[in-house]
Amino acid sequence: MSSAFDETTTAPPTPASGTPALPAPRTHRRPATDVALVATFAAFVAACTLVPSIPTGAGVPITLQTFGVMLAGLVLGPLRGFLAVALYLVVGLAGVPVFADLSSGLGTLGKPSVGYLLAFPLAALVAGLLSRVALRAPVRRRWAALAAAGLGASFLTVHPAGVAGLMWLREVDLPAALAIDVVYWPGDVLKNLLAGAVTVAVLRAFPDLRPDVRPRQAAQPS
């Protein structure tokens, strides 16, 4: 006897042409799997801080954190990506040394990097939303589309918040804060190009990671 909780989906009827139809994608999701993915990507963002940072004169080092943040949004989607990066942020503010240069605690909120740091969860959310469009691009353009999604999310969230934090804590005007922020642009481009390529590879191997994005179905003959 079947029930509404059965996880098995039946394949659609074979088309009249005789070509076997592809099985319908499984849409059943387990909460435990989502929790595990959120925790895994939170840990991955933390692991990105183990890569030595590049110091700058502004007191905000260049790190690999934004790569992990964008990858979480692109791979997991908006909600789970946001939760993964928010978990990372909460763990760091609670005292676990997972921020840049192994810093942690509420004292990080008084550093010039505070704007960049607090924008991370929102950046993952926006990257996940933009990736819904990018993942529907043709295969040969998908990497570029995903990289553009990550870069767009970064420039919509991380950089404006970072500039605001610099103006507040370094007491500089907008042109000066923008001049500091420009230093991070080349690295941001490279990290998002890498995030796009990794996302393509991960979702090719594990397509069920993004049940919110389905490939376009070919039109059926009438």
Protein backbone atom coordinates (compact mmCIF):
# COMPACT_ATOMS: atom_id res chain seq x y z
CA MET A 1 0.00 0.00 0.00
CA SER A 2 1.46 3.37 -0.89
CA SER A 3 1.20 6.50 1.17
CA ALA A 4 1.95 10.18 0.92
CA PHE A 5 5.27 9.55 2.64
CA ASP A 6 6.67 7.17 0.00
CA GLU A 7 10.05 8.44 -1.27
CA THR A 8 9.96 6.50 -4.53
CA THR A 9 8.81 8.30 -7.65
CA THR A 10 7.58 6.46 -10.69
CA ALA A 11 8.98 7.17 -14.10
CA PRO A 12 6.75 9.01 -16.55
CA PRO A 13 5.28 7.05 -19.48
CA THR A 14 7.55 6.19 -22.37
CA PRO A 15 7.12 8.67 -25.22
CA ALA A 16 5.46 7.49 -28.38
CA SER A 17 8.80 7.56 -30.20
CA GLY A 18 9.94 4.58 -28.15
CA THR A 19 12.83 6.45 -26.50
CA PRO A 20 12.90 5.66 -22.77
CA ALA A 21 11.94 8.68 -20.70
CA LEU A 22 14.23 9.96 -17.99
CA PRO A 23 13.01 9.32 -14.45
CA ALA A 24 11.37 12.24 -12.74
CA PRO A 25 13.70 14.03 -10.31
CA ARG A 26 13.22 13.16 -6.66
CA THR A 27 11.99 16.11 -4.66
CA HIS A 28 11.84 14.49 -1.24
CA ARG A 29 14.17 16.22 1.20
CA ARG A 30 15.24 15.10 4.63
CA PRO A 31 15.68 17.75 7.34
CA ALA A 32 18.67 15.84 8.71
CA THR A 33 20.40 16.16 5.36
CA ASP A 34 19.81 19.91 5.28
CA VAL A 35 21.18 20.27 8.82
CA ALA A 36 24.27 18.27 7.88
CA LEU A 37 24.86 20.39 4.78
CA VAL A 38 24.46 23.63 6.72
CA ALA A 39 26.94 22.44 9.36
CA THR A 40 29.38 21.19 6.73
CA PHE A 41 29.46 24.46 4.83
CA ALA A 42 29.74 26.46 8.05
CA ALA A 43 32.81 24.39 8.87
CA PHE A 44 34.13 24.91 5.33
CA VAL A 45 33.90 28.71 5.65
CA ALA A 46 35.78 28.41 8.94
CA ALA A 47 38.42 26.23 7.27
CA CYS A 48 38.96 28.95 4.65
CA THR A 49 40.39 31.17 7.39
CA LEU A 50 43.22 28.68 7.91
CA VAL A 51 44.72 29.82 4.60
CA PRO A 52 47.19 32.61 5.50
CA SER A 53 45.67 36.03 4.95
CA ILE A 54 47.27 38.90 3.06
CA PRO A 55 47.58 41.98 5.29
CA THR A 56 46.58 45.41 4.03
CA GLY A 57 47.13 48.85 5.46
CA ALA A 58 43.43 49.23 6.22
CA GLY A 59 43.33 46.61 8.97
CA VAL A 60 41.12 44.33 6.86
CA PRO A 61 43.19 41.43 5.50
CA ILE A 62 42.50 39.67 2.22
CA THR A 63 41.22 36.19 3.08
CA LEU A 64 39.56 33.19 1.47
CA GLN A 65 36.39 33.63 3.54
CA THR A 66 34.37 35.19 0.75
CA PHE A 67 35.10 32.16 -1.45
CA GLY A 68 33.49 29.91 1.17
CA VAL A 69 30.58 32.30 1.67
CA MET A 70 29.74 32.49 -2.03
CA LEU A 71 30.21 28.78 -2.52
CA ALA A 72 27.71 28.10 0.27
CA GLY A 73 25.10 30.26 -1.42
CA LEU A 74 25.73 28.94 -4.92
CA VAL A 75 25.76 25.27 -3.95
CA LEU A 76 23.14 25.17 -1.19
CA GLY A 77 20.76 27.85 -2.42
CA PRO A 78 19.50 30.95 -0.60
CA LEU A 79 18.03 29.57 2.62
CA ARG A 80 20.55 26.86 3.46
CA GLY A 81 23.42 29.06 2.29
CA PHE A 82 22.24 31.85 4.58
CA LEU A 83 21.88 29.46 7.52
CA ALA A 84 25.33 27.95 6.97
CA VAL A 85 27.08 31.32 6.96
CA ALA A 86 24.93 32.63 9.82
CA LEU A 87 25.96 29.57 11.85
CA TYR A 88 29.60 30.31 11.08
CA LEU A 89 29.12 33.91 12.22
CA VAL A 90 27.37 32.91 15.46
CA VAL A 91 30.06 30.36 16.30
CA GLY A 92 32.78 32.95 15.77
CA LEU A 93 31.04 35.63 17.84
CA ALA A 94 30.55 33.03 20.59
CA GLY A 95 34.32 32.75 20.94
CA VAL A 96 35.48 30.00 18.60
CA PRO A 97 38.50 31.30 16.61
CA VAL A 98 37.08 30.95 13.10
CA PHE A 99 37.44 34.50 11.82
CA ALA A 100 40.39 35.98 9.92
CA ASP A 101 43.75 35.48 11.66
CA LEU A 102 41.98 33.08 14.07
CA SER A 103 40.17 35.92 15.82
CA SER A 104 36.81 35.52 17.53
CA GLY A 105 34.40 36.99 20.04
CA LEU A 106 32.35 40.15 20.23
CA GLY A 107 35.55 42.19 20.06
CA THR A 108 35.62 41.61 16.31
CA LEU A 109 32.61 43.91 16.02
CA GLY A 110 34.94 46.79 16.88
CA LYS A 111 37.35 46.09 14.03
CA PRO A 112 37.29 47.81 10.60
CA SER A 113 36.28 44.51 9.01
CA VAL A 114 32.94 44.42 10.84
CA GLY A 115 30.91 45.53 7.83
CA TYR A 116 32.36 42.84 5.59
CA LEU A 117 31.89 40.19 8.27
CA LEU A 118 28.27 40.96 9.12
CA ALA A 119 27.32 41.03 5.45
CA PHE A 120 28.42 37.44 4.85
CA PRO A 121 25.06 35.71 5.59
CA LEU A 122 23.17 38.16 3.39
CA ALA A 123 25.76 37.67 0.65
CA ALA A 124 25.18 33.90 0.70
CA LEU A 125 21.42 34.50 0.52
CA VAL A 126 21.70 36.81 -2.49
CA ALA A 127 24.20 34.50 -4.22
CA GLY A 128 21.73 31.63 -3.76
CA LEU A 129 18.89 33.65 -5.24
CA LEU A 130 20.95 34.76 -8.23
CA SER A 131 22.18 31.21 -8.77
CA ARG A 132 18.61 30.12 -9.53
CA VAL A 133 18.89 32.10 -12.75
CA ALA A 134 22.53 31.16 -13.38
CA LEU A 135 21.85 27.42 -13.11
CA ARG A 136 19.29 27.65 -15.90
CA ALA A 137 21.86 29.04 -18.31
CA PRO A 138 23.17 26.78 -21.10
CA VAL A 139 25.81 24.36 -19.86
CA ARG A 140 28.67 26.07 -21.67
CA ARG A 141 27.78 29.40 -20.03
CA ARG A 142 26.86 28.11 -16.61
CA TRP A 143 30.29 28.63 -15.03
CA ALA A 144 30.39 32.27 -16.13
CA ALA A 145 26.79 32.79 -14.99
CA LEU A 146 27.52 31.35 -11.54
CA ALA A 147 30.68 33.41 -11.19
CA ALA A 148 28.65 36.50 -12.14
CA ALA A 149 26.00 35.56 -9.56
CA GLY A 150 28.61 35.34 -6.82
CA LEU A 151 30.30 38.54 -7.88
CA GLY A 152 26.98 40.34 -8.10
CA ALA A 153 26.06 39.19 -4.60
CA SER A 154 29.41 40.40 -3.30
CA PHE A 155 29.07 43.86 -4.82
CA LEU A 156 25.46 44.17 -3.69
CA THR A 157 26.12 43.22 -0.08
CA VAL A 158 29.70 42.68 1.12
CA HIS A 159 31.35 45.72 -0.43
CA PRO A 160 28.68 48.31 0.50
CA ALA A 161 28.59 47.01 4.07
CA GLY A 162 32.38 46.92 4.18
CA VAL A 163 32.61 50.52 3.01
CA ALA A 164 30.08 51.55 5.67
CA GLY A 165 32.11 49.77 8.35
CA LEU A 166 35.31 51.47 7.23
CA MET A 167 33.64 54.89 7.33
CA TRP A 168 32.33 54.21 10.82
CA LEU A 169 35.34 52.70 12.54
CA ARG A 170 38.18 54.34 10.64
CA GLU A 171 36.34 57.67 10.54
CA VAL A 172 37.04 58.28 6.87
CA ASP A 173 34.82 59.78 4.21
CA LEU A 174 33.20 57.85 1.37
CA PRO A 175 35.91 58.42 -1.27
CA ALA A 176 38.60 57.27 1.16
CA ALA A 177 36.60 54.18 2.14
CA LEU A 178 36.02 53.32 -1.52
CA ALA A 179 39.74 53.70 -2.21
CA ILE A 180 40.40 51.13 0.53
CA ASP A 181 37.70 48.79 -0.74
CA VAL A 182 39.05 48.76 -4.30
CA VAL A 183 42.06 46.81 -3.03
CA TYR A 184 39.80 43.78 -2.50
CA TRP A 185 38.18 43.77 -5.94
CA PRO A 186 40.77 41.74 -7.92
CA GLY A 187 40.81 38.98 -5.30
CA ASP A 188 37.03 39.00 -5.20
CA VAL A 189 36.85 38.42 -8.94
CA LEU A 190 39.27 35.48 -8.73
CA LYS A 191 37.46 33.91 -5.77
CA ASN A 192 34.09 34.10 -7.51
CA LEU A 193 35.50 32.61 -10.71
CA LEU A 194 36.76 29.72 -8.59
CA ALA A 195 33.43 29.45 -6.73
CA GLY A 196 31.56 29.24 -10.04
CA ALA A 197 33.82 26.46 -11.31
CA VAL A 198 33.56 24.47 -8.08
CA THR A 199 29.77 24.87 -8.02
CA VAL A 200 29.47 23.48 -11.55
CA ALA A 201 31.57 20.45 -10.57
CA VAL A 202 29.73 19.82 -7.30
CA LEU A 203 26.24 20.09 -8.76
CA ARG A 204 27.20 17.93 -11.71
CA ALA A 205 28.22 15.20 -9.26
CA PHE A 206 25.32 15.81 -6.82
CA PRO A 207 22.40 17.38 -8.73
CA ASP A 208 19.95 16.70 -5.89
CA LEU A 209 21.71 19.32 -3.77
CA ARG A 210 19.60 21.97 -5.48
CA PRO A 211 15.99 20.72 -5.64
CA ASP A 212 14.87 24.32 -6.09
CA VAL A 213 16.44 24.39 -9.56
CA ARG A 214 15.26 21.98 -12.22
CA PRO A 215 16.54 21.70 -15.78
CA ARG A 216 14.26 22.93 -18.49
CA GLN A 217 12.08 20.17 -19.86
CA ALA A 218 12.08 19.62 -23.60
CA ALA A 219 8.79 20.40 -25.30
CA GLN A 220 6.70 17.29 -25.94
CA PRO A 221 5.50 16.72 -29.50
CA SER A 222 1.81 17.33 -29.99
